């Protein structure tokens, strides 16, 4: 769990710099998903990130959601990615995954 500790230390550092943060967690997968359940990503409002929840396609969508202001700063949200639910994100081999996107409390508004 060393990677998780490094992510938490980075979250603390970025938060001390005044960054709004989101912790993104793969909670469930179906098929041959790009990353397993338990994978983590930290996303800062300035676009910096650490960790991974896919091979890049899902991260790209999360960056777009960040730029559009679509990530809640108040409450966690559940996002399901599949070729049917999110056609803009093409996942391999009909895979499907669910992410919890959780704002880090104490982040700046």
PDB file of N, CA and C in Angstrom:
ATOM      1  N   UNK A   1       0.832  -1.204   0.000  1.00  0.00           N
ATOM      2  CA  UNK A   1       0.000   0.000   0.000  1.00  0.00           C
ATOM      3  C   UNK A   1       0.867   1.254   0.000  1.00  0.00           C
ATOM      4  N   UNK A   2       2.119   1.100  -0.342  1.00  0.00           N
ATOM      5  CA  UNK A   2       3.041   2.238  -0.398  1.00  0.00           C
ATOM      6  C   UNK A   2       2.550   3.301  -1.373  1.00  0.00           C
ATOM      7  N   UNK A   3       1.998   2.901  -2.529  1.00  0.00           N
ATOM      8  CA  UNK A   3       1.495   3.876  -3.497  1.00  0.00           C
ATOM      9  C   UNK A   3       0.362   4.706  -2.910  1.00  0.00           C
ATOM     10  N   UNK A   4      -0.513   4.072  -2.114  1.00  0.00           N
ATOM     11  CA  UNK A   4      -1.596   4.797  -1.455  1.00  0.00           C
ATOM     12  C   UNK A   4      -1.070   5.840  -0.486  1.00  0.00           C
ATOM     13  N   UNK A   5      -0.024   5.499   0.239  1.00  0.00           N
ATOM     14  CA  UNK A   5       0.583   6.457   1.166  1.00  0.00           C
ATOM     15  C   UNK A   5       1.196   7.631   0.423  1.00  0.00           C
ATOM     16  N   UNK A   6       1.874   7.358  -0.681  1.00  0.00           N
ATOM     17  CA  UNK A   6       2.461   8.435  -1.480  1.00  0.00           C
ATOM     18  C   UNK A   6       1.368   9.346  -2.018  1.00  0.00           C
ATOM     19  N   UNK A   7       0.249   8.759  -2.425  1.00  0.00           N
ATOM     20  CA  UNK A   7      -0.865   9.555  -2.930  1.00  0.00           C
ATOM     21  C   UNK A   7      -1.423  10.464  -1.836  1.00  0.00           C
ATOM     22  N   UNK A   8      -1.559   9.932  -0.626  1.00  0.00           N
ATOM     23  CA  UNK A   8      -2.070  10.744   0.480  1.00  0.00           C
ATOM     24  C   UNK A   8      -1.105  11.869   0.855  1.00  0.00           C
ATOM     25  N   UNK A   9       0.175  11.595   0.829  1.00  0.00           N
ATOM     26  CA  UNK A   9       1.162  12.651   1.110  1.00  0.00           C
ATOM     27  C   UNK A   9       1.098  13.741   0.036  1.00  0.00           C
ATOM     28  N   UNK A  10       0.935  13.323  -1.213  1.00  0.00           N
ATOM     29  CA  UNK A  10       0.822  14.292  -2.304  1.00  0.00           C
ATOM     30  C   UNK A  10      -0.454  15.111  -2.148  1.00  0.00           C
ATOM     31  N   UNK A  11      -1.554  14.472  -1.774  1.00  0.00           N
ATOM     32  CA  UNK A  11      -2.818  15.188  -1.560  1.00  0.00           C
ATOM     33  C   UNK A  11      -2.633  16.270  -0.501  1.00  0.00           C
ATOM     34  N   UNK A  12      -1.962  15.922   0.561  1.00  0.00           N
ATOM     35  CA  UNK A  12      -1.723  16.895   1.636  1.00  0.00           C
ATOM     36  C   UNK A  12      -0.886  18.074   1.135  1.00  0.00           C
ATOM     37  N   UNK A  13       0.145  17.772   0.348  1.00  0.00           N
ATOM     38  CA  UNK A  13       1.006  18.830  -0.199  1.00  0.00           C
ATOM     39  C   UNK A  13       0.222  19.742  -1.135  1.00  0.00           C
ATOM     40  N   UNK A  14      -0.527  19.153  -2.077  1.00  0.00           N
ATOM     41  CA  UNK A  14      -1.285  19.960  -3.036  1.00  0.00           C
ATOM     42  C   UNK A  14      -2.374  20.770  -2.341  1.00  0.00           C
ATOM     43  N   UNK A  15      -2.990  20.180  -1.325  1.00  0.00           N
ATOM     44  CA  UNK A  15      -4.024  20.896  -0.591  1.00  0.00           C
ATOM     45  C   UNK A  15      -3.422  22.091   0.143  1.00  0.00           C
ATOM     46  N   UNK A  16      -2.202  21.939   0.672  1.00  0.00           N
ATOM     47  CA  UNK A  16      -1.552  23.059   1.367  1.00  0.00           C
ATOM     48  C   UNK A  16      -1.215  24.191   0.392  1.00  0.00           C
ATOM     49  N   UNK A  17      -1.163  23.879  -0.904  1.00  0.00           N
ATOM     50  CA  UNK A  17      -0.931  24.891  -1.937  1.00  0.00           C
ATOM     51  C   UNK A  17      -2.238  25.533  -2.398  1.00  0.00           C
ATOM     52  N   UNK A  18      -3.355  25.170  -1.756  1.00  0.00           N
ATOM     53  CA  UNK A  18      -4.633  25.783  -2.080  1.00  0.00           C
ATOM     54  C   UNK A  18      -5.392  25.118  -3.211  1.00  0.00           C
ATOM     55  N   UNK A  19      -5.005  23.910  -3.578  1.00  0.00           N
ATOM     56  CA  UNK A  19      -5.667  23.220  -4.680  1.00  0.00           C
ATOM     57  C   UNK A  19      -6.929  22.502  -4.229  1.00  0.00           C
ATOM     58  N   UNK A  20      -8.004  22.607  -5.032  1.00  0.00           N
ATOM     59  CA  UNK A  20      -9.160  21.739  -4.873  1.00  0.00           C
ATOM     60  C   UNK A  20      -8.750  20.363  -5.371  1.00  0.00           C
ATOM     61  N   UNK A  21      -9.163  19.315  -4.672  1.00  0.00           N
ATOM     62  CA  UNK A  21      -8.722  17.965  -5.000  1.00  0.00           C
ATOM     63  C   UNK A  21      -9.886  16.989  -5.052  1.00  0.00           C
ATOM     64  N   UNK A  22      -9.705  15.947  -5.863  1.00  0.00           N
ATOM     65  CA  UNK A  22     -10.643  14.832  -5.928  1.00  0.00           C
ATOM     66  C   UNK A  22      -9.850  13.534  -5.853  1.00  0.00           C
ATOM     67  N   UNK A  23     -10.332  12.603  -5.042  1.00  0.00           N
ATOM     68  CA  UNK A  23      -9.791  11.260  -4.998  1.00  0.00           C
ATOM     69  C   UNK A  23     -10.728  10.386  -5.824  1.00  0.00           C
ATOM     70  N   UNK A  24     -10.174   9.711  -6.803  1.00  0.00           N
ATOM     71  CA  UNK A  24     -10.971   8.911  -7.725  1.00  0.00           C
ATOM     72  C   UNK A  24     -10.570   7.461  -7.540  1.00  0.00           C
ATOM     73  N   UNK A  25     -11.569   6.612  -7.317  1.00  0.00           N
ATOM     74  CA  UNK A  25     -11.339   5.232  -6.907  1.00  0.00           C
ATOM     75  C   UNK A  25     -12.138   4.298  -7.821  1.00  0.00           C
ATOM     76  N   UNK A  26     -11.478   3.320  -8.423  1.00  0.00           N
ATOM     77  CA  UNK A  26     -12.190   2.290  -9.187  1.00  0.00           C
ATOM     78  C   UNK A  26     -12.830   1.359  -8.162  1.00  0.00           C
ATOM     79  N   UNK A  27     -14.170   1.314  -8.143  1.00  0.00           N
ATOM     80  CA  UNK A  27     -14.861   0.503  -7.136  1.00  0.00           C
ATOM     81  C   UNK A  27     -15.390  -0.815  -7.687  1.00  0.00           C
ATOM     82  N   UNK A  28     -15.591  -0.896  -9.023  1.00  0.00           N
ATOM     83  CA  UNK A  28     -16.118  -2.132  -9.592  1.00  0.00           C
ATOM     84  C   UNK A  28     -15.766  -2.203 -11.067  1.00  0.00           C
ATOM     85  N   UNK A  29     -15.471  -3.401 -11.531  1.00  0.00           N
ATOM     86  CA  UNK A  29     -15.172  -3.594 -12.950  1.00  0.00           C
ATOM     87  C   UNK A  29     -15.901  -4.826 -13.472  1.00  0.00           C
ATOM     88  N   UNK A  30     -16.138  -4.830 -14.774  1.00  0.00           N
ATOM     89  CA  UNK A  30     -16.691  -5.979 -15.482  1.00  0.00           C
ATOM     90  C   UNK A  30     -15.864  -6.166 -16.742  1.00  0.00           C
ATOM     91  N   UNK A  31     -15.649  -7.410 -17.148  1.00  0.00           N
ATOM     92  CA  UNK A  31     -14.865  -7.658 -18.352  1.00  0.00           C
ATOM     93  C   UNK A  31     -13.397  -7.386 -18.105  1.00  0.00           C
ATOM     94  N   UNK A  32     -12.674  -7.184 -19.194  1.00  0.00           N
ATOM     95  CA  UNK A  32     -11.233  -6.946 -19.061  1.00  0.00           C
ATOM     96  C   UNK A  32     -10.988  -5.456 -18.942  1.00  0.00           C
ATOM     97  N   UNK A  33     -11.150  -4.967 -17.746  1.00  0.00           N
ATOM     98  CA  UNK A  33     -11.023  -3.536 -17.488  1.00  0.00           C
ATOM     99  C   UNK A  33      -9.560  -3.113 -17.528  1.00  0.00           C
ATOM    100  N   UNK A  34      -9.306  -1.841 -17.910  1.00  0.00           N
ATOM    101  CA  UNK A  34      -7.921  -1.361 -18.002  1.00  0.00           C
ATOM    102  C   UNK A  34      -7.165  -1.376 -16.673  1.00  0.00           C
ATOM    103  N   UNK A  35      -7.855  -1.141 -15.562  1.00  0.00           N
ATOM    104  CA  UNK A  35      -7.238  -1.142 -14.229  1.00  0.00           C
ATOM    105  C   UNK A  35      -8.167  -1.893 -13.279  1.00  0.00           C
ATOM    106  N   UNK A  36      -7.637  -2.562 -12.273  1.00  0.00           N
ATOM    107  CA  UNK A  36      -8.484  -3.332 -11.359  1.00  0.00           C
ATOM    108  C   UNK A  36      -9.199  -2.454 -10.338  1.00  0.00           C
ATOM    109  N   UNK A  37     -10.236  -3.017  -9.731  1.00  0.00           N
ATOM    110  CA  UNK A  37     -10.890  -2.356  -8.611  1.00  0.00           C
ATOM    111  C   UNK A  37      -9.838  -2.069  -7.549  1.00  0.00           C
ATOM    112  N   UNK A  38      -9.950  -0.916  -6.926  1.00  0.00           N
ATOM    113  CA  UNK A  38      -8.970  -0.490  -5.928  1.00  0.00           C
ATOM    114  C   UNK A  38      -7.966   0.504  -6.473  1.00  0.00           C
ATOM    115  N   UNK A  39      -7.893   0.638  -7.798  1.00  0.00           N
ATOM    116  CA  UNK A  39      -6.963   1.613  -8.385  1.00  0.00           C
ATOM    117  C   UNK A  39      -7.384   3.022  -7.992  1.00  0.00           C
ATOM    118  N   UNK A  40      -6.404   3.878  -7.773  1.00  0.00           N
ATOM    119  CA  UNK A  40      -6.654   5.238  -7.291  1.00  0.00           C
ATOM    120  C   UNK A  40      -6.006   6.283  -8.182  1.00  0.00           C
ATOM    121  N   UNK A  41      -6.632   7.446  -8.190  1.00  0.00           N
ATOM    122  CA  UNK A  41      -6.075   8.605  -8.876  1.00  0.00           C
ATOM    123  C   UNK A  41      -6.407   9.838  -8.049  1.00  0.00           C
ATOM    124  N   UNK A  42      -5.461  10.727  -7.935  1.00  0.00           N
ATOM    125  CA  UNK A  42      -5.659  12.019  -7.295  1.00  0.00           C
ATOM    126  C   UNK A  42      -5.654  13.059  -8.398  1.00  0.00           C
ATOM    127  N   UNK A  43      -6.643  13.935  -8.395  1.00  0.00           N
ATOM    128  CA  UNK A  43      -6.769  14.970  -9.420  1.00  0.00           C
ATOM    129  C   UNK A  43      -6.875  16.328  -8.740  1.00  0.00           C
ATOM    130  N   UNK A  44      -6.023  17.260  -9.147  1.00  0.00           N
ATOM    131  CA  UNK A  44      -6.043  18.625  -8.609  1.00  0.00           C
ATOM    132  C   UNK A  44      -6.740  19.543  -9.598  1.00  0.00           C
ATOM    133  N   UNK A  45      -7.298  20.629  -9.087  1.00  0.00           N
ATOM    134  CA  UNK A  45      -8.043  21.538  -9.956  1.00  0.00           C
ATOM    135  C   UNK A  45      -7.181  22.176 -11.037  1.00  0.00           C
ATOM    136  N   UNK A  46      -5.856  22.204 -10.862  1.00  0.00           N
ATOM    137  CA  UNK A  46      -4.993  22.760 -11.895  1.00  0.00           C
ATOM    138  C   UNK A  46      -4.597  21.713 -12.947  1.00  0.00           C
ATOM    139  N   UNK A  47      -5.160  20.482 -12.821  1.00  0.00           N
ATOM    140  CA  UNK A  47      -4.900  19.441 -13.809  1.00  0.00           C
ATOM    141  C   UNK A  47      -3.809  18.463 -13.433  1.00  0.00           C
ATOM    142  N   UNK A  48      -3.066  18.763 -12.382  1.00  0.00           N
ATOM    143  CA  UNK A  48      -2.062  17.786 -11.947  1.00  0.00           C
ATOM    144  C   UNK A  48      -2.784  16.530 -11.494  1.00  0.00           C
ATOM    145  N   UNK A  49      -2.138  15.404 -11.682  1.00  0.00           N
ATOM    146  CA  UNK A  49      -2.735  14.157 -11.232  1.00  0.00           C
ATOM    147  C   UNK A  49      -1.647  13.162 -10.844  1.00  0.00           C
ATOM    148  N   UNK A  50      -2.060  12.191 -10.065  1.00  0.00           N
ATOM    149  CA  UNK A  50      -1.168  11.124  -9.628  1.00  0.00           C
ATOM    150  C   UNK A  50      -1.993   9.848  -9.590  1.00  0.00           C
ATOM    151  N   UNK A  51      -1.423   8.751 -10.050  1.00  0.00           N
ATOM    152  CA  UNK A  51      -2.137   7.489 -10.088  1.00  0.00           C
ATOM    153  C   UNK A  51      -2.891   7.344 -11.397  1.00  0.00           C
ATOM    154  N   UNK A  52      -3.643   6.249 -11.506  1.00  0.00           N
ATOM    155  CA  UNK A  52      -4.338   5.956 -12.753  1.00  0.00           C
ATOM    156  C   UNK A  52      -5.572   5.102 -12.494  1.00  0.00           C
ATOM    157  N   UNK A  53      -6.633   5.359 -13.262  1.00  0.00           N
ATOM    158  CA  UNK A  53      -7.848   4.543 -13.181  1.00  0.00           C
ATOM    159  C   UNK A  53      -8.127   3.820 -14.497  1.00  0.00           C
ATOM    160  N   UNK A  54      -7.301   4.075 -15.513  1.00  0.00           N
ATOM    161  CA  UNK A  54      -7.431   3.385 -16.802  1.00  0.00           C
ATOM    162  C   UNK A  54      -6.123   3.541 -17.555  1.00  0.00           C
ATOM    163  N   UNK A  55      -6.139   3.154 -18.794  1.00  0.00           N
ATOM    164  CA  UNK A  55      -4.948   3.314 -19.627  1.00  0.00           C
ATOM    165  C   UNK A  55      -4.852   4.698 -20.242  1.00  0.00           C
ATOM    166  N   UNK A  56      -5.708   5.608 -19.861  1.00  0.00           N
ATOM    167  CA  UNK A  56      -5.661   6.970 -20.366  1.00  0.00           C
ATOM    168  C   UNK A  56      -6.992   7.497 -20.870  1.00  0.00           C
ATOM    169  N   UNK A  57      -7.852   6.620 -21.379  1.00  0.00           N
ATOM    170  CA  UNK A  57      -9.110   7.098 -21.957  1.00  0.00           C
ATOM    171  C   UNK A  57     -10.037   7.698 -20.897  1.00  0.00           C
ATOM    172  N   UNK A  58     -10.131   7.083 -19.733  1.00  0.00           N
ATOM    173  CA  UNK A  58     -10.989   7.598 -18.671  1.00  0.00           C
ATOM    174  C   UNK A  58     -10.379   8.859 -18.074  1.00  0.00           C
ATOM    175  N   UNK A  59      -9.066   8.870 -17.903  1.00  0.00           N
ATOM    176  CA  UNK A  59      -8.415  10.073 -17.377  1.00  0.00           C
ATOM    177  C   UNK A  59      -8.715  11.275 -18.271  1.00  0.00           C
ATOM    178  N   UNK A  60      -8.674  11.085 -19.586  1.00  0.00           N
ATOM    179  CA  UNK A  60      -8.988  12.173 -20.516  1.00  0.00           C
ATOM    180  C   UNK A  60     -10.379  12.725 -20.287  1.00  0.00           C
ATOM    181  N   UNK A  61     -11.344  11.843 -20.065  1.00  0.00           N
ATOM    182  CA  UNK A  61     -12.708  12.297 -19.786  1.00  0.00           C
ATOM    183  C   UNK A  61     -12.778  13.030 -18.450  1.00  0.00           C
ATOM    184  N   UNK A  62     -12.061  12.547 -17.448  1.00  0.00           N
ATOM    185  CA  UNK A  62     -12.058  13.229 -16.148  1.00  0.00           C
ATOM    186  C   UNK A  62     -11.455  14.624 -16.256  1.00  0.00           C
ATOM    187  N   UNK A  63     -10.400  14.782 -17.066  1.00  0.00           N
ATOM    188  CA  UNK A  63      -9.821  16.114 -17.281  1.00  0.00           C
ATOM    189  C   UNK A  63     -10.843  17.035 -17.942  1.00  0.00           C
ATOM    190  N   UNK A  64     -11.616  16.518 -18.900  1.00  0.00           N
ATOM    191  CA  UNK A  64     -12.646  17.329 -19.555  1.00  0.00           C
ATOM    192  C   UNK A  64     -13.730  17.723 -18.566  1.00  0.00           C
ATOM    193  N   UNK A  65     -14.131  16.786 -17.712  1.00  0.00           N
ATOM    194  CA  UNK A  65     -15.143  17.098 -16.685  1.00  0.00           C
ATOM    195  C   UNK A  65     -14.618  18.170 -15.726  1.00  0.00           C
ATOM    196  N   UNK A  66     -13.338  18.087 -15.378  1.00  0.00           N
ATOM    197  CA  UNK A  66     -12.720  19.090 -14.512  1.00  0.00           C
ATOM    198  C   UNK A  66     -12.763  20.461 -15.176  1.00  0.00           C
ATOM    199  N   UNK A  67     -12.337  20.538 -16.435  1.00  0.00           N
ATOM    200  CA  UNK A  67     -12.333  21.816 -17.161  1.00  0.00           C
ATOM    201  C   UNK A  67     -13.728  22.399 -17.301  1.00  0.00           C
ATOM    202  N   UNK A  68     -14.741  21.533 -17.449  1.00  0.00           N
ATOM    203  CA  UNK A  68     -16.120  21.990 -17.611  1.00  0.00           C
ATOM    204  C   UNK A  68     -16.783  22.337 -16.281  1.00  0.00           C
ATOM    205  N   UNK A  69     -16.098  22.066 -15.170  1.00  0.00           N
ATOM    206  CA  UNK A  69     -16.677  22.334 -13.855  1.00  0.00           C
ATOM    207  C   UNK A  69     -17.706  21.306 -13.433  1.00  0.00           C
ATOM    208  N   UNK A  70     -17.613  20.100 -13.987  1.00  0.00           N
ATOM    209  CA  UNK A  70     -18.609  19.061 -13.723  1.00  0.00           C
ATOM    210  C   UNK A  70     -18.271  18.142 -12.553  1.00  0.00           C
ATOM    211  N   UNK A  71     -17.189  18.398 -11.835  1.00  0.00           N
ATOM    212  CA  UNK A  71     -16.853  17.584 -10.677  1.00  0.00           C
ATOM    213  C   UNK A  71     -17.312  18.315  -9.419  1.00  0.00           C
ATOM    214  N   UNK A  72     -18.164  17.663  -8.641  1.00  0.00           N
ATOM    215  CA  UNK A  72     -18.711  18.286  -7.434  1.00  0.00           C
ATOM    216  C   UNK A  72     -17.625  18.518  -6.397  1.00  0.00           C
ATOM    217  N   UNK A  73     -17.675  19.676  -5.772  1.00  0.00           N
ATOM    218  CA  UNK A  73     -16.750  19.988  -4.687  1.00  0.00           C
ATOM    219  C   UNK A  73     -17.347  19.620  -3.328  1.00  0.00           C
ATOM    220  N   UNK A  74     -18.624  19.190  -3.333  1.00  0.00           N
ATOM    221  CA  UNK A  74     -19.337  18.960  -2.080  1.00  0.00           C
ATOM    222  C   UNK A  74     -19.648  17.504  -1.770  1.00  0.00           C
ATOM    223  N   UNK A  75     -20.029  16.749  -2.776  1.00  0.00           N
ATOM    224  CA  UNK A  75     -20.483  15.392  -2.534  1.00  0.00           C
ATOM    225  C   UNK A  75     -19.816  14.403  -3.490  1.00  0.00           C
ATOM    226  N   UNK A  76     -19.595  13.194  -3.025  1.00  0.00           N
ATOM    227  CA  UNK A  76     -19.051  12.170  -3.915  1.00  0.00           C
ATOM    228  C   UNK A  76     -20.046  11.844  -5.031  1.00  0.00           C
ATOM    229  N   UNK A  77     -19.525  11.378  -6.135  1.00  0.00           N
ATOM    230  CA  UNK A  77     -20.395  10.947  -7.230  1.00  0.00           C
ATOM    231  C   UNK A  77     -19.904   9.617  -7.762  1.00  0.00           C
ATOM    232  N   UNK A  78     -20.807   8.899  -8.398  1.00  0.00           N
ATOM    233  CA  UNK A  78     -20.507   7.621  -9.011  1.00  0.00           C
ATOM    234  C   UNK A  78     -20.600   7.801 -10.517  1.00  0.00           C
ATOM    235  N   UNK A  79     -19.553   7.434 -11.224  1.00  0.00           N
ATOM    236  CA  UNK A  79     -19.548   7.510 -12.686  1.00  0.00           C
ATOM    237  C   UNK A  79     -19.313   6.110 -13.216  1.00  0.00           C
ATOM    238  N   UNK A  80     -20.181   5.674 -14.111  1.00  0.00           N
ATOM    239  CA  UNK A  80     -19.986   4.386 -14.757  1.00  0.00           C
ATOM    240  C   UNK A  80     -19.509   4.622 -16.184  1.00  0.00           C
ATOM    241  N   UNK A  81     -18.450   3.947 -16.547  1.00  0.00           N
ATOM    242  CA  UNK A  81     -17.907   4.027 -17.896  1.00  0.00           C
ATOM    243  C   UNK A  81     -18.155   2.706 -18.608  1.00  0.00           C
ATOM    244  N   UNK A  82     -18.751   2.803 -19.764  1.00  0.00           N
ATOM    245  CA  UNK A  82     -18.922   1.669 -20.669  1.00  0.00           C
ATOM    246  C   UNK A  82     -19.116   2.260 -22.056  1.00  0.00           C
ATOM    247  N   UNK A  83     -18.975   1.456 -23.072  1.00  0.00           N
ATOM    248  CA  UNK A  83     -19.147   1.974 -24.432  1.00  0.00           C
ATOM    249  C   UNK A  83     -20.584   2.435 -24.671  1.00  0.00           C
ATOM    250  N   UNK A  84     -21.531   1.895 -23.905  1.00  0.00           N
ATOM    251  CA  UNK A  84     -22.925   2.324 -24.033  1.00  0.00           C
ATOM    252  C   UNK A  84     -23.202   3.591 -23.222  1.00  0.00           C
ATOM    253  N   UNK A  85     -22.748   3.610 -21.965  1.00  0.00           N
ATOM    254  CA  UNK A  85     -23.043   4.733 -21.068  1.00  0.00           C
ATOM    255  C   UNK A  85     -22.232   5.977 -21.403  1.00  0.00           C
ATOM    256  N   UNK A  86     -21.013   5.795 -21.852  1.00  0.00           N
ATOM    257  CA  UNK A  86     -20.129   6.920 -22.162  1.00  0.00           C
ATOM    258  C   UNK A  86     -19.469   6.666 -23.521  1.00  0.00           C
ATOM    259  N   UNK A  87     -20.217   6.858 -24.614  1.00  0.00           N
ATOM    260  CA  UNK A  87     -19.666   6.549 -25.941  1.00  0.00           C
ATOM    261  C   UNK A  87     -18.440   7.386 -26.311  1.00  0.00           C
ATOM    262  N   UNK A  88     -18.237   8.524 -25.651  1.00  0.00           N
ATOM    263  CA  UNK A  88     -17.069   9.354 -25.935  1.00  0.00           C
ATOM    264  C   UNK A  88     -15.788   8.708 -25.409  1.00  0.00           C
ATOM    265  N   UNK A  89     -15.924   7.718 -24.531  1.00  0.00           N
ATOM    266  CA  UNK A  89     -14.780   7.000 -23.962  1.00  0.00           C
ATOM    267  C   UNK A  89     -14.861   5.557 -24.437  1.00  0.00           C
ATOM    268  N   UNK A  90     -13.952   5.172 -25.298  1.00  0.00           N
ATOM    269  CA  UNK A  90     -13.965   3.820 -25.851  1.00  0.00           C
ATOM    270  C   UNK A  90     -13.111   2.894 -25.000  1.00  0.00           C
ATOM    271  N   UNK A  91     -13.770   2.021 -24.254  1.00  0.00           N
ATOM    272  CA  UNK A  91     -13.073   1.049 -23.424  1.00  0.00           C
ATOM    273  C   UNK A  91     -12.833  -0.232 -24.216  1.00  0.00           C
ATOM    274  N   UNK A  92     -11.773  -0.957 -23.902  1.00  0.00           N
ATOM    275  CA  UNK A  92     -11.460  -2.182 -24.640  1.00  0.00           C
ATOM    276  C   UNK A  92     -12.398  -3.337 -24.290  1.00  0.00           C
ATOM    277  N   UNK A  93     -12.664  -4.169 -25.253  1.00  0.00           N
ATOM    278  CA  UNK A  93     -13.314  -5.472 -25.046  1.00  0.00           C
ATOM    279  C   UNK A  93     -14.615  -5.409 -24.263  1.00  0.00           C
ATOM    280  N   UNK A  94     -15.437  -4.416 -24.537  1.00  0.00           N
ATOM    281  CA  UNK A  94     -16.739  -4.281 -23.856  1.00  0.00           C
ATOM    282  C   UNK A  94     -16.625  -4.242 -22.335  1.00  0.00           C
ATOM    283  N   UNK A  95     -15.530  -3.743 -21.848  1.00  0.00           N
ATOM    284  CA  UNK A  95     -15.359  -3.654 -20.400  1.00  0.00           C
ATOM    285  C   UNK A  95     -16.235  -2.540 -19.845  1.00  0.00           C
ATOM    286  N   UNK A  96     -16.384  -2.547 -18.541  1.00  0.00           N
ATOM    287  CA  UNK A  96     -17.190  -1.554 -17.849  1.00  0.00           C
ATOM    288  C   UNK A  96     -16.540  -1.312 -16.495  1.00  0.00           C
ATOM    289  N   UNK A  97     -16.553  -0.082 -16.040  1.00  0.00           N
ATOM    290  CA  UNK A  97     -16.032   0.186 -14.710  1.00  0.00           C
ATOM    291  C   UNK A  97     -16.808   1.300 -14.049  1.00  0.00           C
ATOM    292  N   UNK A  98     -16.839   1.261 -12.727  1.00  0.00           N
ATOM    293  CA  UNK A  98     -17.478   2.300 -11.921  1.00  0.00           C
ATOM    294  C   UNK A  98     -16.406   2.994 -11.092  1.00  0.00           C
ATOM    295  N   UNK A  99     -16.519   4.304 -11.059  1.00  0.00           N
ATOM    296  CA  UNK A  99     -15.605   5.128 -10.269  1.00  0.00           C
ATOM    297  C   UNK A  99     -16.385   5.915  -9.232  1.00  0.00           C
ATOM    298  N   UNK A 100     -15.819   6.063  -8.064  1.00  0.00           N
ATOM    299  CA  UNK A 100     -16.300   7.040  -7.100  1.00  0.00           C
ATOM    300  C   UNK A 100     -15.356   8.226  -7.202  1.00  0.00           C
ATOM    301  N   UNK A 101     -15.936   9.403  -7.426  1.00  0.00           N
ATOM    302  CA  UNK A 101     -15.173  10.644  -7.492  1.00  0.00           C
ATOM    303  C   UNK A 101     -15.528  11.430  -6.228  1.00  0.00           C
ATOM    304  N   UNK A 102     -14.552  11.539  -5.351  1.00  0.00           N
ATOM    305  CA  UNK A 102     -14.808  12.118  -4.043  1.00  0.00           C
ATOM    306  C   UNK A 102     -13.987  13.386  -3.837  1.00  0.00           C
ATOM    307  N   UNK A 103     -14.676  14.514  -3.601  1.00  0.00           N
ATOM    308  CA  UNK A 103     -13.908  15.726  -3.299  1.00  0.00           C
ATOM    309  C   UNK A 103     -13.193  15.551  -1.959  1.00  0.00           C
ATOM    310  N   UNK A 104     -11.972  16.030  -1.891  1.00  0.00           N
ATOM    311  CA  UNK A 104     -11.207  15.952  -0.659  1.00  0.00           C
ATOM    312  C   UNK A 104     -11.655  17.114   0.217  1.00  0.00           C
ATOM    313  N   UNK A 105     -12.196  16.801   1.371  1.00  0.00           N
ATOM    314  CA  UNK A 105     -12.720  17.839   2.264  1.00  0.00           C
ATOM    315  C   UNK A 105     -11.605  18.781   2.678  1.00  0.00           C
ATOM    316  N   UNK A 106     -11.961  20.038   2.754  1.00  0.00           N
ATOM    317  CA  UNK A 106     -10.977  21.039   3.126  1.00  0.00           C
ATOM    318  C   UNK A 106     -10.313  21.660   1.920  1.00  0.00           C
ATOM    319  N   UNK A 107     -10.629  21.156   0.704  1.00  0.00           N
ATOM    320  CA  UNK A 107     -10.083  21.770  -0.510  1.00  0.00           C
ATOM    321  C   UNK A 107     -10.667  23.158  -0.653  1.00  0.00           C
ATOM    322  N   UNK A 108      -9.964  24.007  -1.381  1.00  0.00           N
ATOM    323  CA  UNK A 108     -10.440  25.369  -1.560  1.00  0.00           C
ATOM    324  C   UNK A 108     -11.649  25.392  -2.463  1.00  0.00           C
ATOM    325  N   UNK A 109     -12.492  26.398  -2.312  1.00  0.00           N
ATOM    326  CA  UNK A 109     -13.687  26.561  -3.161  1.00  0.00           C
ATOM    327  C   UNK A 109     -13.398  27.421  -4.347  1.00  0.00           C
TER     328      UNK A 109
END
